[in-house]
Amino acid sequence: MSISKVKILSIVSLAALILLSAGRFNISASENEQTKNIADQPVIVDGGTVEYFTERNEVTATDNVTVDFKGTKLRTDRLSVNTITKDAVAEGNVRIEDKGAVMQGDRITYNFNTKKGTLSNSEFISEPYFGKTESIDRVSDTEFIAYNGFVTTCGFNNPHYKIGSKRVQVFPKDKIRTKSDAFYVRNTPLMRLPFYNHSLKDPLIHVQLSPGKSKDWGPYMLSAWRYNLADNLSGRVYLDYRDALGVAEGFGANYNTPGFGKGDFKFYYTQERPHHTLQDQPGEFQRYLVRSRHKWDIDEKTNFTSEYYRIGDSKRELLGDEYNVLKDYFPREYELDSQPLSYALLHRSFSASSIDAVVQKRTNRWYNQTEKLPEVKYSMPSLEMGNTPFYLQSITQAANFNKKEAVPSDSGEDESVNRFDSFNAVSLPIKLGFIEFGPFAGIRETYYSSDTDDSSISPRTIFYTGAEATTKFYRIFDVKSGFLGMDINGLRHIITPKASYTYTMILLCRAAVSSNSIR
């Protein structure tokens, strides 16, 4: 016979034959020793029927075939393995397990040495994700790529939600990346995503459902889906139902851009359709909220902060200020800040002073607001004046203020004015026994471009002088406690009494007014 066929009855005998066959290759001394060790390891094949072809250096097996090689477990109906190259072809109910991932399919070509292979008509599990795709390329034992399918965290055969993707890159127990995506609820596409990225080390739940019932909303179901598009870009997709108001949707994003700061963005929209409406009242209202916040540490001494709020509310416009998007849909945010402002702030620190520039523009006509376009403030805290015992404090501000009345209102009620304000004070801190005593004198000058009736106004000058005395008393209590991890060993109670005297003289329009005060 040109090909000798031997029926192997013992797994141990088969392992020995494969090892001897692999030994026929001469590995030169220049080859890496680690590669040589891997190549010399036998592939142990178990199955109902196992055959070894000596002239082809090939093992074939059928009927409940299993292979366990260097932590990789392969299960299949039929298998053929080259004992020299470790190349294998498996067909029928193929299942491969390795380092936190399970892949299944109809057929796989695989190399046990490199752990690379291609699986067709496949599906995979890499907790907490499950996916079905046309094919899977196993790049290494730490990465595989699935093509043309979907991925989901829903455990049902027909998942409630999923991401349809052309390319799913999985790093078991590390992260998952997708590209050219569509988000589905059941089989209905809701939105397109350019890509998606999520760390598998993140323990948080990705789909949150919050059912309930309230007086204003009636029965409701709030849902949020957490997503990671990249390592520095994540957020949520919102889909909410309130029986008394209807359906609302939106999305949020948190980002961190290297070199340009970090921030967040939120958009929430509803075409509100209340169940109960008054006569001649519209049956639906368009309401939305846009919020953007950003912080950028430009360098160690300079930073930039901004917030932007935009509210669209046809219900408030028609029915009055009783209605408010924040109040009706985000009551907790409304309690913290019922009238959020939009602004941009630039701060710069110097060795002994700082400067701040802020632009604050009204973006929602529903509110009374004073705009600052802009306001610039230079601050110098108490600074020692050379080698003298005196200290100088200085604050200078310049601003353009525009007072805006809430709509509906007469635009003639709006006011605009420029202001320049400067405060300078000199102090002499001294120690009188256990009392710290500090006399001071200062002057503040303020100039407004016009009065409330648009008439001219003279600068205002205020002269300050006085003194302040303070001291400290304390007592140490013998208290030892580890409550809340604070590790208290002795507790000191400090009392700081303070007394001050101030004399103020206001000079306005060549008239002088003086007053004495003590507190």
Protein backbone atom coordinates (compact mmCIF):
# COMPACT_ATOMS: atom_id res chain seq x y z
CA MET A 1 0.00 0.00 0.00
CA SER A 2 1.19 3.48 -0.77
CA ILE A 3 -0.35 4.77 2.45
CA SER A 4 -0.14 2.76 5.63
CA LYS A 5 -3.19 2.99 7.88
CA VAL A 6 -3.07 2.19 11.57
CA LYS A 7 -6.09 2.04 13.90
CA ILE A 8 -5.14 3.67 17.21
CA LEU A 9 -6.86 2.17 20.20
CA SER A 10 -5.02 4.05 22.92
CA ILE A 11 -4.82 7.83 23.36
CA VAL A 12 -1.41 7.45 24.98
CA SER A 13 -0.08 5.50 21.97
CA LEU A 14 -1.43 8.17 19.63
CA ALA A 15 0.28 10.91 21.59
CA ALA A 16 3.56 9.05 21.36
CA LEU A 17 3.22 8.58 17.60
CA ILE A 18 2.44 12.28 17.07
CA LEU A 19 5.42 13.27 19.19
CA LEU A 20 7.73 10.92 17.24
CA SER A 21 6.37 12.22 13.94
CA ALA A 22 6.99 15.84 15.02
CA GLY A 23 10.51 14.87 15.88
CA ARG A 24 11.29 14.13 12.24
CA PHE A 25 11.71 17.92 11.66
CA ASN A 26 15.26 19.14 12.37
CA ILE A 27 15.10 22.52 14.15
CA SER A 28 18.30 24.48 13.66
CA ALA A 29 20.23 25.93 16.61
CA SER A 30 19.42 29.46 15.47
CA GLU A 31 15.66 29.02 15.98
CA ASN A 32 14.06 30.41 19.10
CA GLU A 33 13.99 27.82 21.87
CA GLN A 34 10.47 28.76 22.90
CA THR A 35 9.17 28.13 19.36
CA LYS A 36 10.89 24.72 19.35
CA ASN A 37 9.23 23.74 22.62
CA ILE A 38 5.78 24.67 21.31
CA ALA A 39 6.27 22.78 18.05
CA ASP A 40 7.38 19.63 19.88
CA GLN A 41 4.30 19.42 22.07
CA PRO A 42 1.82 16.73 20.95
CA VAL A 43 -1.81 17.33 20.03
CA ILE A 44 -3.86 14.73 21.89
CA VAL A 45 -6.98 13.72 19.93
CA ASP A 46 -9.82 11.71 21.42
CA GLY A 47 -12.83 10.37 19.50
CA GLY A 48 -15.00 7.37 18.71
CA THR A 49 -12.80 6.57 15.71
CA VAL A 50 -9.21 7.88 15.40
CA GLU A 51 -6.92 7.08 12.45
CA TYR A 52 -3.27 7.97 11.82
CA PHE A 53 -1.79 8.24 8.29
CA THR A 54 2.00 7.99 8.56
CA GLU A 55 2.92 9.10 5.04
CA ARG A 56 0.70 12.23 5.29
CA ASN A 57 1.61 12.89 8.93
CA GLU A 58 -2.11 13.29 9.56
CA VAL A 59 -4.59 12.24 12.21
CA THR A 60 -8.33 12.08 11.50
CA ALA A 61 -11.08 11.53 14.05
CA THR A 62 -14.88 11.26 13.99
CA ASP A 63 -17.74 10.84 16.44
CA ASN A 64 -17.59 13.14 19.49
CA VAL A 65 -14.06 14.41 18.85
CA THR A 66 -12.25 16.36 21.58
CA VAL A 67 -8.84 18.05 21.62
CA ASP A 68 -7.19 19.77 24.59
CA PHE A 69 -3.97 21.58 23.68
CA LYS A 70 -2.27 24.26 25.82
CA GLY A 71 -5.54 25.37 27.42
CA THR A 72 -7.54 25.37 24.16
CA LYS A 73 -10.46 22.92 24.07
CA LEU A 74 -11.95 21.91 20.73
CA ARG A 75 -15.14 19.87 20.26
CA THR A 76 -16.41 18.75 16.85
CA ASP A 77 -17.94 15.88 14.82
CA ARG A 78 -14.99 15.46 12.42
CA LEU A 79 -11.36 16.55 12.64
CA SER A 80 -8.12 16.21 10.72
CA VAL A 81 -4.77 17.43 12.14
CA ASN A 82 -1.32 17.66 10.55
CA THR A 83 1.09 16.39 13.21
CA ILE A 84 3.98 18.50 11.90
CA THR A 85 2.39 21.93 11.30
CA LYS A 86 -0.47 21.50 13.80
CA ASP A 87 -2.92 22.74 11.13
CA ALA A 88 -6.42 21.38 11.66
CA VAL A 89 -9.78 21.34 9.91
CA ALA A 90 -12.91 20.67 12.00
CA GLU A 91 -16.43 20.26 10.63
CA GLY A 92 -19.83 19.79 12.24
CA ASN A 93 -20.92 21.31 15.58
CA VAL A 94 -17.55 22.97 16.11
CA ARG A 95 -17.01 24.47 19.57
CA ILE A 96 -13.76 26.04 20.75
CA GLU A 97 -13.10 27.37 24.26
CA ASP A 98 -10.12 29.44 25.37
CA LYS A 99 -9.46 32.16 27.97
CA GLY A 100 -12.93 33.52 28.63
CA ALA A 101 -14.42 33.06 25.15
CA VAL A 102 -16.53 30.36 23.51
CA MET A 103 -16.97 30.16 19.73
CA GLN A 104 -19.25 27.82 17.80
CA GLY A 105 -19.85 27.23 14.09
CA ASP A 106 -20.13 24.78 11.21
CA ARG A 107 -16.47 24.62 10.16
CA ILE A 108 -13.09 25.92 11.31
CA THR A 109 -9.58 25.94 9.93
CA TYR A 110 -7.23 26.27 12.88
CA ASN A 111 -3.56 26.07 13.88
CA PHE A 112 -2.94 24.84 17.41
CA ASN A 113 0.52 26.45 17.61
CA THR A 114 -0.45 30.00 16.58
CA LYS A 115 -4.07 29.69 17.83
CA LYS A 116 -5.21 31.38 14.61
CA GLY A 117 -8.19 30.20 12.61
CA THR A 118 -11.39 31.00 10.72
CA LEU A 119 -14.84 29.83 11.81
CA SER A 120 -17.86 30.00 9.47
CA ASN A 121 -21.59 30.44 10.25
CA SER A 122 -20.56 31.26 13.77
CA GLU A 123 -21.62 32.56 17.15
CA PHE A 124 -19.65 33.50 20.24
CA ILE A 125 -19.89 34.21 23.96
CA SER A 126 -17.51 36.54 25.78
CA GLU A 127 -19.23 37.54 28.99
CA PRO A 128 -21.38 39.56 29.16
CA TYR A 129 -21.72 39.63 25.34
CA PHE A 130 -23.27 37.13 22.95
CA GLY A 131 -23.15 37.37 19.17
CA LYS A 132 -24.04 35.65 15.88
CA THR A 133 -22.03 36.40 12.73
CA GLU A 134 -21.19 35.06 9.28
CA SER A 135 -17.59 34.27 10.24
CA ILE A 136 -14.97 34.69 12.94
CA ASP A 137 -11.23 35.20 12.48
CA ARG A 138 -9.30 34.11 15.56
CA VAL A 139 -6.27 36.43 15.55
CA SER A 140 -4.64 35.01 18.69
CA ASP A 141 -5.58 33.53 22.03
CA THR A 142 -6.36 37.10 23.24
CA GLU A 143 -8.32 38.45 20.26
CA PHE A 144 -10.88 37.43 17.64
CA ILE A 145 -12.85 39.38 15.02
CA ALA A 146 -16.45 38.57 13.98
CA TYR A 147 -17.93 39.82 10.70
CA ASN A 148 -21.47 40.73 9.56
CA GLY A 149 -23.72 39.90 12.48
CA PHE A 150 -24.93 41.26 15.80
CA VAL A 151 -23.82 41.47 19.41
CA THR A 152 -25.96 41.83 22.54
CA THR A 153 -26.04 41.39 26.30
CA CYS A 154 -29.58 39.93 26.18
CA GLY A 155 -29.53 36.20 26.87
CA PHE A 156 -32.61 35.24 24.82
CA ASN A 157 -32.35 33.45 21.47
CA ASN A 158 -34.35 36.30 19.96
CA PRO A 159 -32.78 39.23 21.89
CA HIS A 160 -34.87 42.25 22.86
CA TYR A 161 -32.05 44.59 21.81
CA LYS A 162 -28.83 44.21 19.83
CA ILE A 163 -26.14 46.01 17.85
CA GLY A 164 -25.94 45.00 14.21
CA SER A 165 -22.34 45.40 13.07
CA LYS A 166 -20.08 44.72 10.11
CA ARG A 167 -17.10 44.12 12.39
CA VAL A 168 -16.91 43.07 16.04
CA GLN A 169 -13.46 42.96 17.62
CA VAL A 170 -13.34 41.06 20.92
CA PHE A 171 -10.52 40.90 23.46
CA PRO A 172 -11.85 38.33 25.97
CA LYS A 173 -12.04 39.61 29.56
CA ASP A 174 -10.68 42.97 28.37
CA LYS A 175 -12.79 44.95 25.87
CA ILE A 176 -15.01 44.84 22.79
CA ARG A 177 -15.06 47.14 19.74
CA THR A 178 -17.55 47.36 16.89
CA LYS A 179 -17.70 49.32 13.64
CA SER A 180 -20.51 50.48 11.28
CA ASP A 181 -23.32 49.72 13.73
CA ALA A 182 -27.09 49.96 13.98
CA PHE A 183 -28.94 49.68 17.30
CA TYR A 184 -32.02 47.43 17.16
CA VAL A 185 -34.98 46.87 19.47
CA ARG A 186 -36.15 43.40 18.45
CA ASN A 187 -35.71 43.61 14.67
CA THR A 188 -36.43 47.34 14.33
CA PRO A 189 -33.41 49.63 13.80
CA LEU A 190 -33.61 52.80 15.95
CA MET A 191 -30.31 54.58 15.36
CA ARG A 192 -26.95 54.40 13.60
CA LEU A 193 -23.63 54.34 15.45
CA PRO A 194 -20.25 54.80 13.73
CA PHE A 195 -18.57 52.57 16.32
CA TYR A 196 -18.90 51.21 19.86
CA ASN A 197 -16.27 50.43 22.47
CA HIS A 198 -16.72 48.92 25.93
CA SER A 199 -14.42 47.57 28.60
CA LEU A 200 -15.39 44.08 29.78
CA LYS A 201 -13.83 44.98 33.13
CA ASP A 202 -16.69 47.44 33.74
CA PRO A 203 -19.03 45.85 36.31
CA LEU A 204 -21.93 48.29 35.84
CA ILE A 205 -25.25 47.23 34.30
CA HIS A 206 -25.61 48.50 30.73
CA VAL A 207 -29.38 48.51 30.45
CA GLN A 208 -31.29 50.11 33.31
CA LEU A 209 -35.08 49.99 33.65
CA SER A 210 -36.89 52.15 36.20
CA PRO A 211 -40.63 51.45 36.42
CA GLY A 212 -42.94 53.38 38.74
CA LYS A 213 -46.00 55.55 39.17
CA SER A 214 -46.37 59.19 40.17
CA LYS A 215 -49.05 61.86 40.37
CA ASP A 216 -47.70 63.91 37.47
CA TRP A 217 -46.49 61.08 35.21
CA GLY A 218 -48.92 58.28 35.98
CA PRO A 219 -47.45 54.81 35.36
CA TYR A 220 -44.04 55.15 33.75
CA MET A 221 -41.02 53.21 32.53
CA LEU A 222 -37.64 54.96 32.23
CA SER A 223 -34.83 53.18 30.41
CA ALA A 224 -31.17 54.03 29.85
CA TRP A 225 -28.63 52.10 27.80
CA ARG A 226 -24.99 52.75 28.67
CA TYR A 227 -22.55 52.70 25.76
CA ASN A 228 -18.79 53.10 25.17
CA LEU A 229 -17.82 54.28 21.70
CA ALA A 230 -14.14 54.60 22.62
CA ASP A 231 -11.88 54.54 25.66
CA ASN A 232 -12.50 58.28 26.14
CA LEU A 233 -16.10 58.48 24.90
CA SER A 234 -19.11 56.98 26.69
CA GLY A 235 -22.69 57.89 27.45
CA ARG A 236 -26.31 56.80 27.56
CA VAL A 237 -29.30 56.45 25.25
CA TYR A 238 -32.67 57.28 26.82
CA LEU A 239 -36.08 55.90 25.87
CA ASP A 240 -38.81 56.79 28.39
CA TYR A 241 -42.58 56.31 28.58
CA ARG A 242 -44.84 58.33 30.87
CA ASP A 243 -48.52 57.44 30.64
CA ALA A 244 -49.70 61.00 31.32
CA LEU A 245 -47.19 62.67 28.96
CA GLY A 246 -46.16 60.21 26.27
CA VAL A 247 -42.82 59.02 24.92
CA ALA A 248 -39.51 60.88 25.29
CA GLU A 249 -36.05 60.02 24.01
CA GLY A 250 -32.54 61.39 24.06
CA PHE A 251 -28.89 60.66 24.55
CA GLY A 252 -25.92 61.79 26.61
CA ALA A 253 -22.18 61.65 26.09
CA ASN A 254 -19.15 61.94 28.37
CA TYR A 255 -15.84 62.63 26.67
CA ASN A 256 -12.21 63.24 27.55
CA THR A 257 -10.13 64.71 24.75
CA PRO A 258 -6.33 64.60 25.26
CA GLY A 259 -5.06 68.16 25.29
CA PHE A 260 -8.50 69.82 25.03
CA GLY A 261 -10.26 68.90 28.26
CA LYS A 262 -13.29 66.83 29.19
CA GLY A 263 -17.01 67.36 29.47
CA ASP A 264 -20.49 66.02 28.86
CA PHE A 265 -23.44 66.60 26.53
CA LYS A 266 -27.13 65.79 26.92
CA PHE A 267 -30.09 66.05 24.56
CA TYR A 268 -33.63 65.13 25.60
CA TYR A 269 -36.73 65.54 23.42
CA THR A 270 -40.44 64.80 23.60
CA GLN A 271 -43.45 65.46 21.43
CA GLU A 272 -45.66 65.55 24.50
CA ARG A 273 -49.23 64.29 24.08
CA PRO A 274 -51.04 64.69 27.41
CA HIS A 275 -54.17 62.64 28.01
CA HIS A 276 -56.15 65.56 29.39
CA THR A 277 -56.18 68.96 27.69
CA LEU A 278 -58.30 72.08 28.13
CA GLN A 279 -60.65 73.43 25.48
CA ASP A 280 -58.81 75.13 22.59
CA GLN A 281 -55.53 73.70 23.94
CA PRO A 282 -53.21 71.92 21.45
CA GLY A 283 -53.05 68.15 21.69
CA GLU A 284 -49.26 68.05 21.62
CA PHE A 285 -46.30 70.16 22.65
CA GLN A 286 -42.68 70.14 21.50
CA ARG A 287 -40.31 70.25 24.47
CA TYR A 288 -36.56 69.66 24.64
CA LEU A 289 -33.41 70.27 26.66
CA VAL A 290 -29.84 70.70 25.41
CA ARG A 291 -27.01 70.82 27.95
CA SER A 292 -23.27 70.97 27.38
CA ARG A 293 -20.48 71.31 29.96
CA HIS A 294 -16.75 71.47 29.34
CA LYS A 295 -13.60 71.92 31.44
CA TRP A 296 -10.12 72.36 30.01
CA ASP A 297 -6.95 72.65 32.08
CA ILE A 298 -4.86 74.46 29.48
CA ASP A 299 -1.77 74.45 31.67
CA GLU A 300 -0.92 74.46 35.38
CA LYS A 301 -2.04 78.09 35.77
CA THR A 302 -4.78 78.43 33.15
CA ASN A 303 -8.15 76.71 32.87
CA PHE A 304 -11.36 77.14 30.90
CA THR A 305 -14.88 76.20 32.02
CA SER A 306 -18.16 76.51 30.13
CA GLU A 307 -21.80 75.49 30.45
CA TYR A 308 -24.57 75.80 27.88
CA TYR A 309 -28.29 75.27 28.51
CA ARG A 310 -30.95 75.58 25.84
CA ILE A 311 -34.61 74.89 26.56
CA GLY A 312 -37.35 74.71 23.97
CA ASP A 313 -40.86 74.57 25.43
CA SER A 314 -44.00 75.33 23.43
CA LYS A 315 -46.12 74.31 26.44
CA ARG A 316 -44.57 77.01 28.63
CA GLU A 317 -44.92 79.53 25.83
CA LEU A 318 -48.67 78.87 25.46
CA LEU A 319 -49.73 78.04 29.04
CA GLY A 320 -47.36 80.06 31.24
CA ASP A 321 -44.38 79.67 33.54
CA GLU A 322 -46.15 77.02 35.63
CA TYR A 323 -44.61 74.57 33.18
CA ASN A 324 -40.88 73.94 32.89
CA VAL A 325 -39.00 71.13 31.13
CA LEU A 326 -36.55 70.74 34.00
CA LYS A 327 -39.33 70.73 36.58
CA ASP A 328 -41.58 68.33 34.64
CA TYR A 329 -38.94 65.84 33.44
CA PHE A 330 -35.87 66.30 35.66
CA PRO A 331 -37.21 67.31 39.11
CA ARG A 332 -33.96 66.54 40.92
CA GLU A 333 -31.94 68.80 38.62
CA TYR A 334 -34.63 71.47 38.99
CA GLU A 335 -34.34 71.37 42.80
CA LEU A 336 -30.56 71.89 42.56
CA ASP A 337 -30.75 74.73 40.02
CA SER A 338 -34.11 76.00 38.81
CA GLN A 339 -32.54 78.55 36.45
CA PRO A 340 -29.27 77.21 34.99
CA LEU A 341 -27.07 79.80 33.29
CA SER A 342 -24.94 79.57 30.16
CA TYR A 343 -21.43 80.97 30.49
CA ALA A 344 -17.78 80.64 29.50
CA LEU A 345 -15.05 81.36 32.08
CA LEU A 346 -11.30 81.71 31.55
CA HIS A 347 -9.06 81.79 34.65
CA ARG A 348 -5.34 82.59 34.75
CA SER A 349 -3.18 82.50 37.90
CA PHE A 350 0.03 84.44 38.38
CA SER A 351 2.64 84.25 41.12
CA ALA A 352 0.71 86.62 43.44
CA SER A 353 -2.55 87.39 41.60
CA SER A 354 -5.12 86.09 39.13
CA ILE A 355 -7.40 87.27 36.33
CA ASP A 356 -10.84 85.96 35.34
CA ALA A 357 -12.84 86.70 32.21
CA VAL A 358 -16.45 85.52 31.94
CA VAL A 359 -19.05 85.78 29.20
CA GLN A 360 -22.60 85.07 30.38
CA LYS A 361 -25.27 85.24 27.67
CA ARG A 362 -28.96 84.53 28.17
CA THR A 363 -29.94 81.48 26.09
CA ASN A 364 -33.49 80.99 27.44
CA ARG A 365 -35.94 83.88 27.16
CA TRP A 366 -38.10 82.40 29.95
CA TYR A 367 -35.82 83.83 32.67
CA ASN A 368 -34.91 87.25 34.03
CA GLN A 369 -31.14 87.46 33.72
CA THR A 370 -28.29 89.94 33.78
CA GLU A 371 -25.88 89.23 30.95
CA LYS A 372 -22.15 89.82 31.29
CA LEU A 373 -20.65 90.63 27.91
CA PRO A 374 -18.00 90.31 29.24
CA GLU A 375 -16.81 90.78 32.82
CA VAL A 376 -13.06 90.87 33.55
CA LYS A 377 -11.74 90.73 37.11
CA TYR A 378 -8.16 91.10 38.35
CA SER A 379 -7.53 90.00 41.94
CA MET A 380 -4.46 90.40 44.11
CA PRO A 381 -4.81 89.10 47.68
CA SER A 382 -2.87 90.63 50.55
CA LEU A 383 0.69 90.98 49.26
CA GLU A 384 3.63 92.21 51.30
CA MET A 385 4.85 95.59 50.07
CA GLY A 386 8.59 95.11 49.67
CA ASN A 387 10.49 94.98 52.96
CA THR A 388 7.84 97.01 54.80
CA PRO A 389 5.35 95.57 57.34
CA PHE A 390 2.44 96.76 55.17
CA TYR A 391 0.25 94.55 52.92
CA LEU A 392 -1.65 95.59 49.80
CA GLN A 393 -4.92 94.10 48.54
CA SER A 394 -6.36 95.04 45.14
CA ILE A 395 -9.44 93.99 43.12
CA THR A 396 -10.29 95.61 39.79
CA GLN A 397 -13.32 94.77 37.61
CA ALA A 398 -14.66 95.97 34.28
CA ALA A 399 -17.93 94.71 32.80
CA ASN A 400 -20.79 95.29 30.40
CA PHE A 401 -24.14 94.35 31.96
CA ASN A 402 -27.35 93.76 30.03
CA LYS A 403 -30.47 93.21 32.12
CA LYS A 404 -32.99 91.06 30.26
CA GLU A 405 -36.61 90.61 31.31
CA ALA A 406 -38.40 87.30 30.84
CA VAL A 407 -40.75 86.99 27.86
CA PRO A 408 -43.40 88.01 27.29
CA SER A 409 -42.30 91.54 28.30
CA ASP A 410 -41.71 94.94 26.79
CA SER A 411 -38.22 94.96 25.30
CA GLY A 412 -38.03 98.60 26.41
CA GLU A 413 -37.64 97.34 29.99
CA ASP A 414 -34.23 95.88 29.15
CA GLU A 415 -31.26 97.86 30.41
CA SER A 416 -27.58 98.03 29.45
CA VAL A 417 -24.73 99.63 31.37
CA ASN A 418 -20.92 99.55 31.59
CA ARG A 419 -19.25 99.43 34.98
CA PHE A 420 -15.68 99.93 36.18
CA ASP A 421 -14.90 99.11 39.81
CA SER A 422 -11.62 99.22 41.71
CA PHE A 423 -10.87 98.44 45.36
CA ASN A 424 -7.45 98.93 47.00
CA ALA A 425 -6.60 98.53 50.67
CA VAL A 426 -3.46 98.71 52.82
CA SER A 427 -3.25 96.82 56.13
CA LEU A 428 -0.71 96.49 58.94
CA PRO A 429 -1.06 93.12 60.72
CA ILE A 430 0.67 93.08 64.11
CA LYS A 431 0.78 90.75 67.11
CA LEU A 432 -0.25 92.13 70.53
CA GLY A 433 0.38 89.28 72.95
CA PHE A 434 -2.15 86.56 72.10
CA ILE A 435 -4.23 88.95 69.95
CA GLU A 436 -3.74 89.47 66.23
CA PHE A 437 -4.51 93.11 65.46
CA GLY A 438 -4.83 94.61 61.96
CA PRO A 439 -5.63 98.25 61.19
CA PHE A 440 -6.45 98.99 57.54
CA ALA A 441 -7.40 101.76 55.14
CA GLY A 442 -8.83 101.43 51.66
CA ILE A 443 -10.63 103.19 48.86
CA ARG A 444 -13.18 101.90 46.33
CA GLU A 445 -14.07 103.72 43.14
CA THR A 446 -17.01 102.76 40.93
CA TYR A 447 -18.02 104.23 37.59
CA TYR A 448 -21.28 103.49 35.68
CA SER A 449 -21.77 104.66 32.11
CA SER A 450 -25.35 105.79 32.83
CA ASP A 451 -28.06 105.96 35.47
CA THR A 452 -31.34 103.98 35.41
CA ASP A 453 -32.93 106.77 33.34
CA ASP A 454 -30.00 106.79 30.87
CA SER A 455 -28.67 110.05 32.30
CA SER A 456 -24.98 110.51 33.05
CA ILE A 457 -23.71 109.72 36.53
CA SER A 458 -20.60 110.83 38.39
CA PRO A 459 -18.10 108.29 39.68
CA ARG A 460 -18.68 107.08 43.22
CA THR A 461 -15.84 106.96 45.73
CA ILE A 462 -15.98 105.13 49.06
CA PHE A 463 -13.27 105.49 51.71
CA TYR A 464 -12.80 102.71 54.28
CA THR A 465 -10.74 102.58 57.43
CA GLY A 466 -10.85 100.55 60.61
CA ALA A 467 -9.25 97.70 62.49
CA GLU A 468 -9.82 94.05 63.26
CA ALA A 469 -8.77 92.01 66.28
CA THR A 470 -8.91 88.23 66.57
CA THR A 471 -7.48 85.38 68.60
CA LYS A 472 -7.85 81.63 69.05
CA PHE A 473 -8.71 79.43 72.02
CA TYR A 474 -8.66 75.67 71.81
CA ARG A 475 -9.03 72.56 73.93
CA ILE A 476 -7.98 69.00 73.13
CA PHE A 477 -10.42 66.26 74.10
CA ASP A 478 -9.24 62.71 74.71
CA VAL A 479 -11.31 61.07 71.96
CA LYS A 480 -10.28 57.95 70.07
CA SER A 481 -12.50 56.54 67.34
CA GLY A 482 -12.30 54.73 64.03
CA PHE A 483 -15.88 55.62 63.05
CA LEU A 484 -16.28 55.85 59.27
CA GLY A 485 -12.55 55.14 58.93
CA MET A 486 -11.60 58.60 60.26
CA ASP A 487 -9.02 57.25 62.78
CA ILE A 488 -9.53 60.02 65.35
CA ASN A 489 -6.83 60.17 68.04
CA GLY A 490 -7.50 63.33 70.04
CA LEU A 491 -10.05 65.98 69.09
CA ARG A 492 -9.23 69.70 69.15
CA HIS A 493 -12.04 72.26 69.49
CA ILE A 494 -11.13 75.78 68.37
CA ILE A 495 -12.97 79.04 69.19
CA THR A 496 -12.04 82.14 67.17
CA PRO A 497 -13.62 85.35 68.50
CA LYS A 498 -13.30 88.44 66.30
CA ALA A 499 -14.07 92.14 66.76
CA SER A 500 -13.86 94.79 64.08
CA TYR A 501 -14.45 98.52 63.68
CA THR A 502 -15.13 100.15 60.29
CA TYR A 503 -15.48 103.78 59.29
CA THR A 504 -17.01 104.39 55.84
CA MET A 505 -17.29 107.65 53.91
CA ILE A 506 -19.16 107.78 50.60
CA LEU A 507 -18.39 110.57 48.13
CA LEU A 508 -21.06 110.86 45.42
CA CYS A 509 -21.81 113.90 43.24
CA ARG A 510 -19.62 116.13 45.39
CA ALA A 511 -21.64 115.22 48.47
CA ALA A 512 -20.13 113.42 51.43
CA VAL A 513 -21.86 111.00 53.75
CA SER A 514 -20.01 109.47 56.68
CA SER A 515 -20.97 106.64 59.00
CA ASN A 516 -19.45 104.69 61.87
CA SER A 517 -20.17 101.03 62.51
CA ILE A 518 -18.92 98.38 64.91
CA ARG A 519 -19.66 94.66 64.96
